[in-house]
Protein backbone atom coordinates (compact mmCIF):
# COMPACT_ATOMS: atom_id res chain seq x y z
CA MET A 1 -8.03 -17.53 -11.87
CA ILE A 2 -9.61 -15.25 -9.67
CA THR A 3 -7.32 -14.75 -6.39
CA GLN A 4 -8.57 -15.24 -2.80
CA LEU A 5 -8.20 -12.15 -1.03
CA PRO A 6 -6.99 -11.62 2.61
CA THR A 7 -10.62 -10.46 4.01
CA ARG A 8 -9.56 -11.91 7.78
CA ASN A 9 -12.64 -13.42 9.02
CA LEU A 10 -14.75 -12.35 6.26
CA GLU A 11 -16.97 -15.08 4.20
CA LYS A 12 -16.62 -15.38 0.62
CA LEU A 13 -19.78 -15.70 -1.26
CA THR A 14 -20.49 -15.74 -5.18
CA TRP A 15 -23.69 -14.52 -6.78
CA GLN A 16 -23.94 -15.19 -10.84
CA TRP A 17 -24.70 -11.70 -12.37
CA GLN A 18 -25.07 -11.51 -16.30
CA GLY A 19 -22.71 -14.13 -16.59
CA HIS A 20 -20.42 -12.79 -14.22
CA ASN A 21 -19.23 -14.57 -10.34
CA ILE A 22 -19.22 -11.58 -8.52
CA ASN A 23 -17.37 -11.80 -5.32
CA TYR A 24 -19.26 -10.57 -1.97
CA THR A 25 -19.96 -11.25 1.51
CA VAL A 26 -22.94 -10.45 4.35
CA MET A 27 -22.42 -10.42 8.05
CA GLY A 28 -24.54 -9.53 11.04
CA HIS A 29 -28.73 -9.30 11.37
CA GLY A 30 -30.52 -5.97 11.27
CA GLU A 31 -31.32 -3.26 8.90
CA PRO A 32 -29.58 -3.51 5.75
CA LEU A 33 -26.22 -1.66 5.24
CA LEU A 34 -24.61 -2.28 1.33
CA LEU A 35 -21.05 -0.80 1.18
CA ILE A 36 -19.32 -0.08 -1.96
CA HIS A 37 -15.44 0.34 -2.62
CA GLY A 38 -13.47 2.63 -4.81
CA PHE A 39 -10.87 2.23 -7.88
CA GLY A 40 -9.36 -0.59 -7.37
CA ALA A 41 -10.37 -1.93 -3.99
CA SER A 42 -12.51 -5.11 -2.69
CA VAL A 43 -14.70 -6.29 -0.37
CA GLY A 44 -11.45 -6.29 1.62
CA HIS A 45 -10.88 -2.43 2.14
CA TRP A 46 -13.90 -2.75 4.83
CA ARG A 47 -11.89 -5.30 6.82
CA LYS A 48 -12.43 -2.95 9.94
CA ASN A 49 -16.22 -1.98 9.43
CA ILE A 50 -17.86 -4.64 8.51
CA PRO A 51 -17.71 -6.87 12.06
CA VAL A 52 -18.08 -3.36 14.13
CA LEU A 53 -21.24 -2.42 12.21
CA ALA A 54 -22.40 -5.93 12.01
CA GLU A 55 -21.84 -6.45 15.88
CA LYS A 56 -24.37 -3.10 15.92
CA GLY A 57 -27.19 -5.06 15.07
CA TYR A 58 -26.94 -4.25 11.32
CA ARG A 59 -27.18 -6.58 8.41
CA VAL A 60 -24.02 -5.64 6.30
CA TYR A 61 -23.55 -6.72 2.78
CA ALA A 62 -20.55 -5.61 0.41
CA LEU A 63 -19.24 -6.79 -2.99
CA ASP A 64 -16.81 -6.21 -5.35
CA LEU A 65 -17.35 -4.46 -8.39
CA LEU A 66 -17.57 -6.28 -11.53
CA GLY A 67 -13.59 -5.96 -12.89
CA PHE A 68 -12.22 -5.17 -9.31
CA GLY A 69 -11.05 -7.70 -6.32
CA ALA A 70 -12.50 -11.40 -6.57
CA SER A 71 -15.12 -10.38 -9.37
CA ASP A 72 -14.74 -11.40 -12.76
CA LYS A 73 -12.33 -9.08 -15.12
CA ALA A 74 -15.22 -9.32 -18.00
CA ILE A 75 -14.00 -7.45 -21.07
CA LEU A 76 -16.19 -4.74 -21.74
CA ASP A 77 -16.87 -1.07 -21.84
CA TYR A 78 -16.74 -0.27 -18.04
CA SER A 79 -19.01 2.79 -16.69
CA LEU A 80 -20.71 4.38 -13.62
CA GLU A 81 -23.38 2.91 -15.39
CA VAL A 82 -22.53 -0.58 -15.43
CA TRP A 83 -21.93 -0.77 -11.85
CA GLU A 84 -25.04 0.95 -10.55
CA GLN A 85 -27.25 -1.31 -12.56
CA GLN A 86 -25.09 -4.23 -10.77
CA ILE A 87 -25.75 -3.20 -7.37
CA LYS A 88 -29.30 -2.50 -7.51
CA ASP A 89 -29.91 -6.13 -9.31
CA PHE A 90 -27.96 -7.10 -6.35
CA TRP A 91 -30.05 -5.35 -3.93
CA LEU A 92 -32.93 -6.88 -6.04
CA ALA A 93 -31.40 -10.35 -5.56
CA HIS A 94 -30.40 -10.21 -2.20
CA ILE A 95 -31.29 -7.55 -0.33
CA ASN A 96 -35.23 -5.92 -1.33
CA GLN A 97 -35.86 -3.62 1.39
CA PRO A 98 -34.67 0.08 2.17
CA THR A 99 -30.99 0.37 2.56
CA VAL A 100 -28.04 2.92 4.21
CA PHE A 101 -25.49 2.97 1.24
CA VAL A 102 -22.16 3.39 2.04
CA GLY A 103 -19.34 4.39 -0.23
CA ASN A 104 -16.00 5.02 -0.66
CA SER A 105 -14.34 7.50 -3.27
CA ILE A 106 -16.19 6.52 -6.47
CA GLY A 107 -18.06 3.99 -4.38
CA GLY A 108 -19.26 7.12 -2.55
CA LEU A 109 -20.58 8.73 -6.09
CA LEU A 110 -22.35 5.00 -7.19
CA ALA A 111 -24.06 5.36 -4.01
CA LEU A 112 -25.06 8.91 -4.60
CA MET A 113 -26.39 7.98 -7.64
CA LEU A 114 -28.62 5.08 -5.86
CA ILE A 115 -29.96 6.87 -3.89
CA THR A 116 -31.01 9.90 -5.87
CA ASN A 117 -31.54 7.48 -9.55
CA HIS A 118 -33.53 4.53 -7.42
CA PRO A 119 -34.96 6.23 -4.08
CA GLU A 120 -37.63 3.69 -3.52
CA ILE A 121 -34.29 1.35 -2.83
CA ALA A 122 -32.84 3.62 -0.32
CA LYS A 123 -32.98 4.87 3.55
CA GLY A 124 -30.06 6.88 2.81
CA ALA A 125 -25.90 7.23 1.96
CA VAL A 126 -22.89 7.72 3.84
CA LEU A 127 -19.99 9.30 1.39
CA LEU A 128 -16.29 9.19 1.95
CA ASN A 129 -14.54 11.19 0.16
CA CYS A 130 -17.09 10.96 -2.17
CA ALA A 131 -15.20 11.05 -5.72
CA GLY A 132 -16.39 14.14 -8.61
CA GLY A 133 -16.57 11.41 -11.51
CA LEU A 134 -14.53 8.29 -13.10
CA ASN A 135 -12.18 10.02 -14.48
CA HIS A 136 -11.40 13.81 -14.59
CA ARG A 137 -13.41 15.83 -16.61
CA PRO A 138 -11.39 17.91 -19.62
CA ASP A 139 -12.08 21.20 -18.26
CA GLU A 140 -11.13 19.92 -15.13
CA LEU A 141 -7.35 19.42 -16.09
CA ASN A 142 -5.16 22.76 -16.91
CA LEU A 143 -3.34 21.90 -20.92
CA PRO A 144 -0.82 20.51 -19.90
CA LEU A 145 -1.66 17.76 -17.78
CA ARG A 146 -4.92 16.94 -20.05
CA LEU A 147 -2.27 16.17 -22.95
CA ILE A 148 -0.30 14.05 -20.70
CA MET A 149 -3.48 12.41 -19.15
CA GLY A 150 -4.59 11.78 -22.87
CA ALA A 151 -0.94 10.06 -23.83
CA PHE A 152 -1.00 7.87 -20.79
CA THR A 153 -4.62 6.46 -21.04
CA LYS A 154 -3.79 6.01 -25.16
CA LEU A 155 -0.39 3.89 -23.75
CA VAL A 156 -2.74 1.81 -21.35
CA SER A 157 -5.03 0.69 -23.66
CA SER A 158 -2.50 -0.08 -26.44
CA PRO A 159 -1.83 -3.46 -27.23
CA LEU A 160 1.68 -3.37 -27.61
CA THR A 161 2.57 -0.55 -25.17
CA GLY A 162 -0.41 -1.46 -22.23
CA LYS A 163 0.66 -4.28 -20.39
CA PHE A 164 4.22 -3.16 -19.73
CA ILE A 165 2.88 -0.08 -18.25
CA PHE A 166 -0.09 -1.95 -16.27
CA ASN A 167 2.80 -4.37 -15.03
CA ASN A 168 4.84 -1.61 -14.05
CA ILE A 169 2.16 0.36 -12.03
CA ARG A 170 0.82 -2.95 -10.27
CA GLN A 171 4.12 -3.51 -8.62
CA LYS A 172 4.03 -3.93 -4.62
CA SER A 173 6.60 -0.96 -4.07
CA ARG A 174 4.51 0.90 -6.94
CA ILE A 175 1.08 0.02 -4.67
CA ARG A 176 3.17 1.53 -1.35
CA ASN A 177 4.28 4.24 -3.19
CA THR A 178 0.16 5.49 -4.03
CA LEU A 179 -0.77 4.83 -0.76
CA ALA A 180 1.70 6.98 0.79
CA GLN A 181 0.34 9.77 -0.96
CA VAL A 182 -3.13 9.13 0.37
CA TYR A 183 -2.82 8.07 3.64
CA CYS A 184 -1.82 9.95 6.34
CA ASP A 185 -0.96 7.08 8.70
CA ARG A 186 2.00 5.32 7.64
CA GLN A 187 1.46 2.31 9.98
CA ALA A 188 -2.03 1.87 7.97
CA ILE A 189 -0.28 0.50 5.00
CA THR A 190 0.29 -2.59 5.84
CA GLU A 191 1.51 -5.99 3.80
CA GLU A 192 -2.42 -7.10 4.20
CA LEU A 193 -3.82 -3.43 2.78
CA VAL A 194 -0.65 -4.17 0.15
CA GLU A 195 -1.80 -7.75 -0.94
CA ILE A 196 -5.69 -6.89 -1.16
CA LEU A 197 -4.57 -3.71 -3.71
CA TYR A 198 -2.16 -6.31 -5.30
CA GLN A 199 -3.49 -9.73 -5.59
CA PRO A 200 -6.68 -9.04 -8.34
CA SER A 201 -4.01 -7.42 -10.84
CA CYS A 202 -2.25 -10.90 -10.87
CA ASP A 203 -5.77 -12.41 -12.74
CA GLU A 204 -6.67 -12.31 -16.45
CA GLY A 205 -8.03 -9.69 -17.52
CA ALA A 206 -6.76 -7.13 -15.13
CA GLN A 207 -5.28 -4.96 -17.75
CA GLN A 208 -8.52 -4.58 -19.94
CA VAL A 209 -10.26 -3.74 -17.09
CA PHE A 210 -7.65 -0.58 -16.13
CA ALA A 211 -7.25 0.42 -19.32
CA SER A 212 -11.26 0.23 -19.79
CA VAL A 213 -12.35 1.90 -17.13
CA LEU A 214 -9.57 4.96 -17.33
CA THR A 215 -10.82 5.65 -20.79
CA ALA A 216 -14.48 5.50 -19.75
CA PRO A 217 -17.16 8.81 -19.07
CA ALA A 218 -16.68 10.55 -16.39
CA GLY A 219 -20.32 9.73 -15.48
CA PRO A 220 -22.57 12.44 -13.61
CA THR A 221 -21.60 15.19 -11.32
CA PRO A 222 -22.38 15.27 -8.02
CA ASP A 223 -24.18 18.39 -8.43
CA GLN A 224 -26.49 16.90 -10.84
CA LEU A 225 -27.10 14.09 -9.22
CA LEU A 226 -28.22 16.41 -5.44
CA ALA A 227 -30.45 18.11 -7.13
CA LYS A 228 -32.77 14.94 -6.83
CA LEU A 229 -31.93 13.99 -3.16
CA GLN A 230 -34.41 13.04 -0.97
CA HIS A 231 -32.81 10.77 1.75
CA PRO A 232 -30.87 12.06 4.37
CA LEU A 233 -26.76 12.15 3.81
CA LEU A 234 -23.91 11.41 5.99
CA VAL A 235 -20.35 12.88 4.24
CA LEU A 236 -17.26 11.91 5.90
CA TRP A 237 -14.40 13.27 4.37
CA GLY A 238 -10.40 12.86 4.88
CA GLU A 239 -8.82 16.71 5.38
CA ASN A 240 -5.72 15.79 3.86
CA ASP A 241 -7.22 14.01 0.59
CA PRO A 242 -4.75 15.18 -2.65
CA TRP A 243 -7.37 13.27 -4.91
CA THR A 244 -10.33 14.81 -3.48
CA PRO A 245 -9.43 17.69 -1.19
CA ILE A 246 -11.58 19.14 0.90
CA LYS A 247 -12.73 21.90 -0.97
CA GLY A 248 -15.21 18.96 -2.46
CA ALA A 249 -16.80 18.89 0.68
CA LYS A 250 -18.39 22.31 -0.04
CA ILE A 251 -21.24 21.84 -2.10
CA TYR A 252 -22.22 19.20 0.44
CA GLN A 253 -22.06 21.64 2.92
CA ASP A 254 -23.46 24.39 1.05
CA LEU A 255 -26.77 21.96 1.73
CA ALA A 256 -26.64 21.17 5.04
CA GLY A 257 -26.51 25.17 5.67
CA LYS A 258 -29.75 25.09 3.65
CA GLY A 259 -31.16 22.88 6.18
CA GLU A 260 -31.10 20.20 4.07
CA LYS A 261 -30.93 16.64 5.69
CA VAL A 262 -26.87 16.42 5.19
CA GLN A 263 -24.41 16.04 7.48
CA VAL A 264 -20.21 16.90 6.94
CA TYR A 265 -17.48 15.44 8.98
CA PRO A 266 -14.05 16.64 7.96
CA ILE A 267 -11.53 14.00 9.66
CA LYS A 268 -7.85 15.15 10.46
CA ASN A 269 -5.19 13.37 9.81
CA ALA A 270 -6.95 11.27 7.49
CA GLY A 271 -6.57 10.88 3.81
CA HIS A 272 -8.64 9.36 1.21
CA CYS A 273 -9.56 6.13 2.96
CA PRO A 274 -10.81 7.63 6.06
CA HIS A 275 -12.35 3.79 6.86
CA ASP A 276 -9.08 2.37 6.50
CA GLU A 277 -6.83 4.75 8.17
CA LYS A 278 -9.71 5.96 11.05
CA PRO A 279 -11.43 2.59 11.92
CA GLU A 280 -12.61 3.82 15.17
CA LEU A 281 -13.87 7.45 14.50
CA VAL A 282 -15.50 6.03 11.44
CA ASN A 283 -18.03 3.68 12.34
CA GLN A 284 -18.63 5.32 15.61
CA LEU A 285 -19.99 8.50 13.20
CA ILE A 286 -21.70 6.03 11.01
CA LEU A 287 -23.42 4.06 13.97
CA ASN A 288 -24.25 7.63 15.38
CA TRP A 289 -25.76 8.90 12.36
CA LEU A 290 -27.41 5.80 11.72
CA GLU A 291 -29.55 5.98 15.08
CA THR A 292 -31.02 9.35 13.95
CA LEU A 293 -32.44 7.72 10.58
């Protein structure tokens, strides 16, 4: 059963894609924005951003990637390319005009893939603590950690141990502990936020999705994608993010220094999800940048 997420006043709509139910929402009128969440998140993670951006004259779309949120937990081999195709097909079905893509974490990498691989559908992108890949590449981990992660992914994927490990990881107390690692402001870790992350994990197939994503290819690197960049880029980065540290912003800062259409803003006292921790600041930075397009 697909759960109803606590997304305040966001309308819950359904789109059929390749035989799967995809949850999405839309609000406002004007130039289109499409918001793309990160790993384990959903439309609800943008609950502090969608109404504000819509109120300022934009038509704001957000969707749950296949396997997450209230979208179907399809059993398949997940990859960034699967979601890239999902989003492009959603754009064709619902938007069909040059769009600004806004993404957090893996959603940021997907936004970068969309505007560089399919420049004809894009007007620009906003990246919030953009991931360097869907998973760590082996050369990015030292040997002990590489072995530990390899063993962990095997256990998660195993029909004998996978369900036990997943049920342990998805406990609300563990979700809170994980959020405490990547959020600077503990007051932002609300019961509503925990429910947004917890509820989809109760759906049938959620464990298999988790295992598939953990064992999926890392995908293209930001460096590879940026070599094809044609559109303006706004890069927002929570400085206190242990998952994607601020040094990851250097490749974008280098482009900005070369006169490319790239703007980079480090955000103090924020972690991996600055749009949820510092929504007032992030919303204003996005709106200010959108006015320059």
